Each structure stands twice: as C-alpha cells, then as structure tokens.
Amino acid sequence: MAIGVIATLKIQEGKNAEFEQAFQGLAAQVNAKESGCVFYALHRSKSDPQEYKVLEQYATEADLAAHGQTKYFQEANKAMASLVAAAPQIELLDAV
C-alpha cells in the first residue's frame, strides 16, 4: 500500500529564496533517483509565506525509509537546518 507524507516546514524570515533553491536541488535528486517515490513536491502557504508543505508519496513504507537514508537527503537536511525556524511537523497517511 502506498504511503503519503505531509511535512510542514516553517522557514526563517528572509530565508525563503535560499530554502526554495536548496529544496529544489533535493527534489530533483529524489524524483530522478528514487523509483519508489511517486511524487515529491514543495508548496508555499498562501496565508503564511514562511510556511511550506512538502507533499510526498511512496510506493511502500520501505521506499519512504530508504528516502530518509539517502546521502543527498541527509546532506540537504544539514544545509537547510540553518534556514528553518522550527522542527518540521510530519504527518503520515495511508493511500486509499
């Protein structure tokens, strides 16, 4: 069964462009290299420009676990750590 993820990220004031650029680099790698990733896309809130949602779907829970273990994901998280205002909120969803 496919698994969905909604990750909510709050970004520091003035860091939006830097965050978006870093995330787009990560997303390009995820979408190109992870066959178990159905989609991986960043969205900015219309009501709060400092809030972003990452919408993700993986074919299996194993694919989601593998995503978090990739070197490029771990490196991107380190690079983006200085741009976020708080820890991300992660919601896991079962596809229906």
PDB file of N, CA and C in Angstrom:
ATOM      1  N   MET A   1       0.851  -1.189   0.000  1.00  0.00           N
ATOM      2  CA  MET A   1       0.000   0.000   0.000  1.00  0.00           C
ATOM      3  C   MET A   1       0.886   1.238   0.000  1.00  0.00           C
ATOM      4  N   ALA A   2       0.524   2.200  -0.802  1.00  0.00           N
ATOM      5  CA  ALA A   2       1.272   3.462  -0.871  1.00  0.00           C
ATOM      6  C   ALA A   2       1.119   4.236   0.432  1.00  0.00           C
ATOM      7  N   ILE A   3       2.144   5.008   0.729  1.00  0.00           N
ATOM      8  CA  ILE A   3       2.122   5.840   1.930  1.00  0.00           C
ATOM      9  C   ILE A   3       2.373   7.290   1.535  1.00  0.00           C
ATOM     10  N   GLY A   4       1.585   8.183   2.111  1.00  0.00           N
ATOM     11  CA  GLY A   4       1.736   9.605   1.850  1.00  0.00           C
ATOM     12  C   GLY A   4       2.370  10.305   3.027  1.00  0.00           C
ATOM     13  N   VAL A   5       2.987  11.436   2.754  1.00  0.00           N
ATOM     14  CA  VAL A   5       3.619  12.245   3.788  1.00  0.00           C
ATOM     15  C   VAL A   5       3.294  13.711   3.510  1.00  0.00           C
ATOM     16  N   ILE A   6       2.940  14.425   4.571  1.00  0.00           N
ATOM     17  CA  ILE A   6       2.849  15.882   4.509  1.00  0.00           C
ATOM     18  C   ILE A   6       3.813  16.397   5.570  1.00  0.00           C
ATOM     19  N   ALA A   7       4.858  17.063   5.103  1.00  0.00           N
ATOM     20  CA  ALA A   7       5.834  17.659   6.010  1.00  0.00           C
ATOM     21  C   ALA A   7       5.610  19.166   6.006  1.00  0.00           C
ATOM     22  N   THR A   8       5.361  19.734   7.181  1.00  0.00           N
ATOM     23  CA  THR A   8       5.147  21.173   7.309  1.00  0.00           C
ATOM     24  C   THR A   8       6.423  21.796   7.859  1.00  0.00           C
ATOM     25  N   LEU A   9       6.928  22.790   7.130  1.00  0.00           N
ATOM     26  CA  LEU A   9       8.185  23.441   7.490  1.00  0.00           C
ATOM     27  C   LEU A   9       7.968  24.938   7.657  1.00  0.00           C
ATOM     28  N   LYS A  10       8.476  25.490   8.741  1.00  0.00           N
ATOM     29  CA  LYS A  10       8.461  26.941   8.961  1.00  0.00           C
ATOM     30  C   LYS A  10       9.872  27.448   8.685  1.00  0.00           C
ATOM     31  N   ILE A  11       9.975  28.450   7.814  1.00  0.00           N
ATOM     32  CA  ILE A  11      11.255  28.981   7.379  1.00  0.00           C
ATOM     33  C   ILE A  11      11.481  30.360   8.001  1.00  0.00           C
ATOM     34  N   GLN A  12      12.709  30.641   8.357  1.00  0.00           N
ATOM     35  CA  GLN A  12      13.057  31.932   8.944  1.00  0.00           C
ATOM     36  C   GLN A  12      12.799  33.062   7.952  1.00  0.00           C
ATOM     37  N   GLU A  13      12.399  34.211   8.492  1.00  0.00           N
ATOM     38  CA  GLU A  13      12.200  35.417   7.667  1.00  0.00           C
ATOM     39  C   GLU A  13      13.463  35.698   6.860  1.00  0.00           C
ATOM     40  N   GLY A  14      13.289  36.024   5.594  1.00  0.00           N
ATOM     41  CA  GLY A  14      14.397  36.386   4.742  1.00  0.00           C
ATOM     42  C   GLY A  14      15.179  35.206   4.170  1.00  0.00           C
ATOM     43  N   LYS A  15      14.761  33.985   4.495  1.00  0.00           N
ATOM     44  CA  LYS A  15      15.490  32.796   4.043  1.00  0.00           C
ATOM     45  C   LYS A  15      14.720  32.010   2.979  1.00  0.00           C
ATOM     46  N   ASN A  16      13.589  32.530   2.511  1.00  0.00           N
ATOM     47  CA  ASN A  16      12.738  31.791   1.572  1.00  0.00           C
ATOM     48  C   ASN A  16      13.449  31.395   0.288  1.00  0.00           C
ATOM     49  N   ALA A  17      14.094  32.347  -0.363  1.00  0.00           N
ATOM     50  CA  ALA A  17      14.733  32.056  -1.649  1.00  0.00           C
ATOM     51  C   ALA A  17      15.838  31.017  -1.486  1.00  0.00           C
ATOM     52  N   GLU A  18      16.621  31.149  -0.437  1.00  0.00           N
ATOM     53  CA  GLU A  18      17.701  30.186  -0.183  1.00  0.00           C
ATOM     54  C   GLU A  18      17.125  28.796   0.099  1.00  0.00           C
ATOM     55  N   PHE A  19      16.049  28.745   0.893  1.00  0.00           N
ATOM     56  CA  PHE A  19      15.408  27.472   1.195  1.00  0.00           C
ATOM     57  C   PHE A  19      14.835  26.844  -0.084  1.00  0.00           C
ATOM     58  N   GLU A  20      14.107  27.621  -0.860  1.00  0.00           N
ATOM     59  CA  GLU A  20      13.496  27.087  -2.077  1.00  0.00           C
ATOM     60  C   GLU A  20      14.551  26.545  -3.036  1.00  0.00           C
ATOM     61  N   GLN A  21      15.656  27.246  -3.181  1.00  0.00           N
ATOM     62  CA  GLN A  21      16.723  26.779  -4.064  1.00  0.00           C
ATOM     63  C   GLN A  21      17.313  25.462  -3.554  1.00  0.00           C
ATOM     64  N   ALA A  22      17.584  25.381  -2.267  1.00  0.00           N
ATOM     65  CA  ALA A  22      18.134  24.154  -1.688  1.00  0.00           C
ATOM     66  C   ALA A  22      17.150  23.002  -1.838  1.00  0.00           C
ATOM     67  N   PHE A  23      15.868  23.276  -1.591  1.00  0.00           N
ATOM     68  CA  PHE A  23      14.877  22.213  -1.683  1.00  0.00           C
ATOM     69  C   PHE A  23      14.720  21.727  -3.117  1.00  0.00           C
ATOM     70  N   GLN A  24      14.739  22.647  -4.075  1.00  0.00           N
ATOM     71  CA  GLN A  24      14.578  22.229  -5.468  1.00  0.00           C
ATOM     72  C   GLN A  24      15.712  21.304  -5.905  1.00  0.00           C
ATOM     73  N   GLY A  25      16.915  21.564  -5.406  1.00  0.00           N
ATOM     74  CA  GLY A  25      18.022  20.658  -5.695  1.00  0.00           C
ATOM     75  C   GLY A  25      17.782  19.272  -5.125  1.00  0.00           C
ATOM     76  N   LEU A  26      17.274  19.220  -3.901  1.00  0.00           N
ATOM     77  CA  LEU A  26      16.938  17.932  -3.288  1.00  0.00           C
ATOM     78  C   LEU A  26      15.825  17.239  -4.060  1.00  0.00           C
ATOM     79  N   ALA A  27      14.764  17.972  -4.380  1.00  0.00           N
ATOM     80  CA  ALA A  27      13.625  17.378  -5.082  1.00  0.00           C
ATOM     81  C   ALA A  27      14.043  16.794  -6.430  1.00  0.00           C
ATOM     82  N   ALA A  28      14.934  17.466  -7.126  1.00  0.00           N
ATOM     83  CA  ALA A  28      15.403  16.948  -8.421  1.00  0.00           C
ATOM     84  C   ALA A  28      16.074  15.594  -8.249  1.00  0.00           C
ATOM     85  N   GLN A  29      16.876  15.456  -7.207  1.00  0.00           N
ATOM     86  CA  GLN A  29      17.541  14.181  -6.956  1.00  0.00           C
ATOM     87  C   GLN A  29      16.549  13.101  -6.538  1.00  0.00           C
ATOM     88  N   VAL A  30      15.625  13.449  -5.649  1.00  0.00           N
ATOM     89  CA  VAL A  30      14.627  12.476  -5.194  1.00  0.00           C
ATOM     90  C   VAL A  30      13.821  11.968  -6.381  1.00  0.00           C
ATOM     91  N   ASN A  31      13.319  12.880  -7.183  1.00  0.00           N
ATOM     92  CA  ASN A  31      12.463  12.488  -8.309  1.00  0.00           C
ATOM     93  C   ASN A  31      13.226  11.713  -9.385  1.00  0.00           C
ATOM     94  N   ALA A  32      14.531  11.969  -9.524  1.00  0.00           N
ATOM     95  CA  ALA A  32      15.325  11.278 -10.539  1.00  0.00           C
ATOM     96  C   ALA A  32      15.845   9.920 -10.068  1.00  0.00           C
ATOM     97  N   LYS A  33      16.120   9.787  -8.776  1.00  0.00           N
ATOM     98  CA  LYS A  33      16.833   8.610  -8.289  1.00  0.00           C
ATOM     99  C   LYS A  33      15.999   7.612  -7.496  1.00  0.00           C
ATOM    100  N   GLU A  34      14.819   8.005  -7.031  1.00  0.00           N
ATOM    101  CA  GLU A  34      14.041   7.127  -6.159  1.00  0.00           C
ATOM    102  C   GLU A  34      12.828   6.584  -6.912  1.00  0.00           C
ATOM    103  N   SER A  35      12.983   5.386  -7.440  1.00  0.00           N
ATOM    104  CA  SER A  35      11.889   4.791  -8.225  1.00  0.00           C
ATOM    105  C   SER A  35      10.641   4.541  -7.384  1.00  0.00           C
ATOM    106  N   GLY A  36      10.801   4.384  -6.073  1.00  0.00           N
ATOM    107  CA  GLY A  36       9.654   4.161  -5.194  1.00  0.00           C
ATOM    108  C   GLY A  36       8.942   5.433  -4.781  1.00  0.00           C
ATOM    109  N   CYS A  37       9.459   6.586  -5.208  1.00  0.00           N
ATOM    110  CA  CYS A  37       8.825   7.868  -4.902  1.00  0.00           C
ATOM    111  C   CYS A  37       7.862   8.207  -6.032  1.00  0.00           C
ATOM    112  N   VAL A  38       6.588   8.306  -5.711  1.00  0.00           N
ATOM    113  CA  VAL A  38       5.564   8.641  -6.708  1.00  0.00           C
ATOM    114  C   VAL A  38       5.595  10.143  -6.997  1.00  0.00           C
ATOM    115  N   PHE A  39       5.679  10.953  -5.949  1.00  0.00           N
ATOM    116  CA  PHE A  39       5.857  12.398  -6.116  1.00  0.00           C
ATOM    117  C   PHE A  39       6.485  12.997  -4.873  1.00  0.00           C
ATOM    118  N   TYR A  40       7.135  14.128  -5.081  1.00  0.00           N
ATOM    119  CA  TYR A  40       7.859  14.835  -4.023  1.00  0.00           C
ATOM    120  C   TYR A  40       7.875  16.294  -4.435  1.00  0.00           C
ATOM    121  N   ALA A  41       7.021  17.107  -3.821  1.00  0.00           N
ATOM    122  CA  ALA A  41       6.840  18.476  -4.310  1.00  0.00           C
ATOM    123  C   ALA A  41       6.655  19.464  -3.169  1.00  0.00           C
ATOM    124  N   LEU A  42       7.237  20.635  -3.333  1.00  0.00           N
ATOM    125  CA  LEU A  42       7.178  21.712  -2.348  1.00  0.00           C
ATOM    126  C   LEU A  42       6.057  22.684  -2.691  1.00  0.00           C
ATOM    127  N   HIS A  43       5.324  23.117  -1.656  1.00  0.00           N
ATOM    128  CA  HIS A  43       4.255  24.115  -1.817  1.00  0.00           C
ATOM    129  C   HIS A  43       4.388  25.157  -0.714  1.00  0.00           C
ATOM    130  N   ARG A  44       4.176  26.431  -1.064  1.00  0.00           N
ATOM    131  CA  ARG A  44       4.213  27.520  -0.082  1.00  0.00           C
ATOM    132  C   ARG A  44       2.776  27.903   0.274  1.00  0.00           C
ATOM    133  N   SER A  45       2.544  28.140   1.547  1.00  0.00           N
ATOM    134  CA  SER A  45       1.227  28.545   2.029  1.00  0.00           C
ATOM    135  C   SER A  45       0.842  29.904   1.476  1.00  0.00           C
ATOM    136  N   LYS A  46      -0.411  30.052   1.097  1.00  0.00           N
ATOM    137  CA  LYS A  46      -0.920  31.357   0.642  1.00  0.00           C
ATOM    138  C   LYS A  46      -1.201  32.288   1.829  1.00  0.00           C
ATOM    139  N   SER A  47      -1.460  31.718   3.004  1.00  0.00           N
ATOM    140  CA  SER A  47      -1.784  32.542   4.168  1.00  0.00           C
ATOM    141  C   SER A  47      -0.565  32.868   5.041  1.00  0.00           C
ATOM    142  N   ASP A  48       0.510  32.089   4.922  1.00  0.00           N
ATOM    143  CA  ASP A  48       1.723  32.314   5.709  1.00  0.00           C
ATOM    144  C   ASP A  48       2.926  32.039   4.821  1.00  0.00           C
ATOM    145  N   PRO A  49       3.562  33.069   4.284  1.00  0.00           N
ATOM    146  CA  PRO A  49       4.666  32.857   3.345  1.00  0.00           C
ATOM    147  C   PRO A  49       5.889  32.183   3.962  1.00  0.00           C
ATOM    148  N   GLN A  50       5.920  32.031   5.275  1.00  0.00           N
ATOM    149  CA  GLN A  50       7.045  31.340   5.924  1.00  0.00           C
ATOM    150  C   GLN A  50       6.755  29.851   6.117  1.00  0.00           C
ATOM    151  N   GLU A  51       5.569  29.407   5.737  1.00  0.00           N
ATOM    152  CA  GLU A  51       5.195  28.006   5.919  1.00  0.00           C
ATOM    153  C   GLU A  51       5.157  27.291   4.568  1.00  0.00           C
ATOM    154  N   TYR A  52       5.794  26.140   4.535  1.00  0.00           N
ATOM    155  CA  TYR A  52       5.834  25.301   3.340  1.00  0.00           C
ATOM    156  C   TYR A  52       5.318  23.913   3.688  1.00  0.00           C
ATOM    157  N   LYS A  53       4.742  23.257   2.691  1.00  0.00           N
ATOM    158  CA  LYS A  53       4.309  21.873   2.817  1.00  0.00           C
ATOM    159  C   LYS A  53       5.024  21.066   1.738  1.00  0.00           C
ATOM    160  N   VAL A  54       5.615  19.977   2.162  1.00  0.00           N
ATOM    161  CA  VAL A  54       6.195  19.030   1.216  1.00  0.00           C
ATOM    162  C   VAL A  54       5.185  17.897   1.101  1.00  0.00           C
ATOM    163  N   LEU A  55       4.650  17.698  -0.103  1.00  0.00           N
ATOM    164  CA  LEU A  55       3.703  16.621  -0.359  1.00  0.00           C
ATOM    165  C   LEU A  55       4.476  15.488  -1.006  1.00  0.00           C
ATOM    166  N   GLU A  56       4.379  14.307  -0.394  1.00  0.00           N
ATOM    167  CA  GLU A  56       5.177  13.168  -0.838  1.00  0.00           C
ATOM    168  C   GLU A  56       4.295  11.925  -0.901  1.00  0.00           C
ATOM    169  N   GLN A  57       4.639  11.017  -1.799  1.00  0.00           N
ATOM    170  CA  GLN A  57       4.008   9.702  -1.803  1.00  0.00           C
ATOM    171  C   GLN A  57       5.052   8.680  -2.244  1.00  0.00           C
ATOM    172  N   TYR A  58       5.047   7.557  -1.547  1.00  0.00           N
ATOM    173  CA  TYR A  58       5.972   6.452  -1.823  1.00  0.00           C
ATOM    174  C   TYR A  58       5.167   5.185  -2.043  1.00  0.00           C
ATOM    175  N   ALA A  59       5.703   4.294  -2.865  1.00  0.00           N
ATOM    176  CA  ALA A  59       5.007   3.049  -3.182  1.00  0.00           C
ATOM    177  C   ALA A  59       4.850   2.174  -1.946  1.00  0.00           C
ATOM    178  N   THR A  60       5.865   2.178  -1.075  1.00  0.00           N
ATOM    179  CA  THR A  60       5.824   1.338   0.127  1.00  0.00           C
ATOM    180  C   THR A  60       6.474   2.079   1.292  1.00  0.00           C
ATOM    181  N   GLU A  61       6.274   1.567   2.497  1.00  0.00           N
ATOM    182  CA  GLU A  61       6.940   2.134   3.662  1.00  0.00           C
ATOM    183  C   GLU A  61       8.452   1.957   3.555  1.00  0.00           C
ATOM    184  N   ALA A  62       8.896   0.863   2.937  1.00  0.00           N
ATOM    185  CA  ALA A  62      10.332   0.640   2.738  1.00  0.00           C
ATOM    186  C   ALA A  62      10.925   1.724   1.843  1.00  0.00           C
ATOM    187  N   ASP A  63      10.182   2.169   0.842  1.00  0.00           N
ATOM    188  CA  ASP A  63      10.659   3.247  -0.033  1.00  0.00           C
ATOM    189  C   ASP A  63      10.791   4.558   0.748  1.00  0.00           C
ATOM    190  N   LEU A  64       9.850   4.821   1.641  1.00  0.00           N
ATOM    191  CA  LEU A  64       9.933   6.012   2.485  1.00  0.00           C
ATOM    192  C   LEU A  64      11.150   5.920   3.401  1.00  0.00           C
ATOM    193  N   ALA A  65      11.361   4.767   4.009  1.00  0.00           N
ATOM    194  CA  ALA A  65      12.516   4.592   4.891  1.00  0.00           C
ATOM    195  C   ALA A  65      13.822   4.771   4.121  1.00  0.00           C
ATOM    196  N   ALA A  66      13.888   4.233   2.918  1.00  0.00           N
ATOM    197  CA  ALA A  66      15.099   4.356   2.098  1.00  0.00           C
ATOM    198  C   ALA A  66      15.364   5.818   1.733  1.00  0.00           C
ATOM    199  N   HIS A  67      14.313   6.576   1.482  1.00  0.00           N
ATOM    200  CA  HIS A  67      14.433   8.004   1.153  1.00  0.00           C
ATOM    201  C   HIS A  67      15.207   8.737   2.240  1.00  0.00           C
ATOM    202  N   GLY A  68      14.843   8.498   3.485  1.00  0.00           N
ATOM    203  CA  GLY A  68      15.486   9.176   4.607  1.00  0.00           C
ATOM    204  C   GLY A  68      16.933   8.774   4.823  1.00  0.00           C
ATOM    205  N   GLN A  69      17.346   7.675   4.235  1.00  0.00           N
ATOM    206  CA  GLN A  69      18.716   7.181   4.402  1.00  0.00           C
ATOM    207  C   GLN A  69      19.656   7.606   3.277  1.00  0.00           C
ATOM    208  N   THR A  70      19.128   8.250   2.250  1.00  0.00           N
ATOM    209  CA  THR A  70      19.996   8.636   1.133  1.00  0.00           C
ATOM    210  C   THR A  70      20.968   9.730   1.565  1.00  0.00           C
ATOM    211  N   LYS A  71      22.153   9.692   0.990  1.00  0.00           N
ATOM    212  CA  LYS A  71      23.189  10.671   1.324  1.00  0.00           C
ATOM    213  C   LYS A  71      22.732  12.078   0.949  1.00  0.00           C
ATOM    214  N   TYR A  72      22.095  12.228  -0.218  1.00  0.00           N
ATOM    215  CA  TYR A  72      21.680  13.570  -0.658  1.00  0.00           C
ATOM    216  C   TYR A  72      20.577  14.137   0.224  1.00  0.00           C
ATOM    217  N   PHE A  73      19.696  13.282   0.768  1.00  0.00           N
ATOM    218  CA  PHE A  73      18.660  13.757   1.689  1.00  0.00           C
ATOM    219  C   PHE A  73      19.303  14.236   2.986  1.00  0.00           C
ATOM    220  N   GLN A  74      20.215  13.447   3.515  1.00  0.00           N
ATOM    221  CA  GLN A  74      20.881  13.815   4.761  1.00  0.00           C
ATOM    222  C   GLN A  74      21.708  15.086   4.603  1.00  0.00           C
ATOM    223  N   GLU A  75      22.395  15.238   3.478  1.00  0.00           N
ATOM    224  CA  GLU A  75      23.173  16.456   3.231  1.00  0.00           C
ATOM    225  C   GLU A  75      22.275  17.675   3.073  1.00  0.00           C
ATOM    226  N   ALA A  76      21.152  17.508   2.390  1.00  0.00           N
ATOM    227  CA  ALA A  76      20.212  18.618   2.217  1.00  0.00           C
ATOM    228  C   ALA A  76      19.629  19.044   3.558  1.00  0.00           C
ATOM    229  N   ASN A  77      19.310  18.082   4.411  1.00  0.00           N
ATOM    230  CA  ASN A  77      18.770  18.416   5.729  1.00  0.00           C
ATOM    231  C   ASN A  77      19.777  19.233   6.534  1.00  0.00           C
ATOM    232  N   LYS A  78      21.049  18.871   6.466  1.00  0.00           N
ATOM    233  CA  LYS A  78      22.080  19.641   7.165  1.00  0.00           C
ATOM    234  C   LYS A  78      22.151  21.060   6.613  1.00  0.00           C
ATOM    235  N   ALA A  79      22.107  21.185   5.290  1.00  0.00           N
ATOM    236  CA  ALA A  79      22.190  22.505   4.656  1.00  0.00           C
ATOM    237  C   ALA A  79      20.980  23.369   4.984  1.00  0.00           C
ATOM    238  N   MET A  80      19.798  22.760   5.068  1.00  0.00           N
ATOM    239  CA  MET A  80      18.576  23.528   5.318  1.00  0.00           C
ATOM    240  C   MET A  80      18.313  23.767   6.802  1.00  0.00           C
ATOM    241  N   ALA A  81      19.064  23.115   7.682  1.00  0.00           N
ATOM    242  CA  ALA A  81      18.844  23.256   9.128  1.00  0.00           C
ATOM    243  C   ALA A  81      18.966  24.702   9.591  1.00  0.00           C
ATOM    244  N   SER A  82      19.850  25.457   8.967  1.00  0.00           N
ATOM    245  CA  SER A  82      20.032  26.855   9.364  1.00  0.00           C
ATOM    246  C   SER A  82      18.966  27.778   8.785  1.00  0.00           C
ATOM    247  N   LEU A  83      18.080  27.250   7.969  1.00  0.00           N
ATOM    248  CA  LEU A  83      17.051  28.061   7.318  1.00  0.00           C
ATOM    249  C   LEU A  83      15.680  27.911   7.968  1.00  0.00           C
ATOM    250  N   VAL A  84      15.471  26.832   8.704  1.00  0.00           N
ATOM    251  CA  VAL A  84      14.164  26.573   9.296  1.00  0.00           C
ATOM    252  C   VAL A  84      14.029  27.273  10.644  1.00  0.00           C
ATOM    253  N   ALA A  85      12.796  27.610  11.001  1.00  0.00           N
ATOM    254  CA  ALA A  85      12.522  28.299  12.255  1.00  0.00           C
ATOM    255  C   ALA A  85      12.119  27.336  13.369  1.00  0.00           C
ATOM    256  N   ALA A  86      11.757  26.105  12.996  1.00  0.00           N
ATOM    257  CA  ALA A  86      11.318  25.115  13.981  1.00  0.00           C
ATOM    258  C   ALA A  86      11.456  23.726  13.373  1.00  0.00           C
ATOM    259  N   ALA A  87      11.355  22.736  14.219  1.00  0.00           N
ATOM    260  CA  ALA A  87      11.405  21.359  13.732  1.00  0.00           C
ATOM    261  C   ALA A  87      10.209  21.099  12.814  1.00  0.00           C
ATOM    262  N   PRO A  88      10.395  20.302  11.768  1.00  0.00           N
ATOM    263  CA  PRO A  88       9.267  20.014  10.868  1.00  0.00           C
ATOM    264  C   PRO A  88       8.201  19.182  11.561  1.00  0.00           C
ATOM    265  N   GLN A  89       6.980  19.365  11.108  1.00  0.00           N
ATOM    266  CA  GLN A  89       5.865  18.521  11.556  1.00  0.00           C
ATOM    267  C   GLN A  89       5.603  17.527  10.436  1.00  0.00           C
ATOM    268  N   ILE A  90       5.621  16.246  10.767  1.00  0.00           N
ATOM    269  CA  ILE A  90       5.467  15.196   9.768  1.00  0.00           C
ATOM    270  C   ILE A  90       4.172  14.435  10.023  1.00  0.00           C
ATOM    271  N   GLU A  91       3.346  14.346   8.994  1.00  0.00           N
ATOM    272  CA  GLU A  91       2.114  13.557   9.071  1.00  0.00           C
ATOM    273  C   GLU A  91       2.192  12.429   8.041  1.00  0.00           C
ATOM    274  N   LEU A  92       2.001  11.193   8.521  1.00  0.00           N
ATOM    275  CA  LEU A  92       1.999  10.022   7.638  1.00  0.00           C
ATOM    276  C   LEU A  92       0.559   9.655   7.313  1.00  0.00           C
ATOM    277  N   LEU A  93       0.335   9.262   6.058  1.00  0.00           N
ATOM    278  CA  LEU A  93      -1.019   8.971   5.579  1.00  0.00           C
ATOM    279  C   LEU A  93      -1.027   7.657   4.821  1.00  0.00           C
ATOM    280  N   ASP A  94      -2.101   6.891   4.962  1.00  0.00           N
ATOM    281  CA  ASP A  94      -2.298   5.695   4.145  1.00  0.00           C
ATOM    282  C   ASP A  94      -3.065   6.092   2.880  1.00  0.00           C
ATOM    283  N   ALA A  95      -2.567   5.659   1.734  1.00  0.00           N
ATOM    284  CA  ALA A  95      -3.280   5.925   0.487  1.00  0.00           C
ATOM    285  C   ALA A  95      -4.535   5.047   0.436  1.00  0.00           C
ATOM    286  N   VAL A  96      -5.573   5.582  -0.131  1.00  0.00           N
ATOM    287  CA  VAL A  96      -6.829   4.818  -0.279  1.00  0.00           C
ATOM    288  C   VAL A  96      -7.217   4.758  -1.749  1.00  0.00           C
TER     289      VAL A  96
END
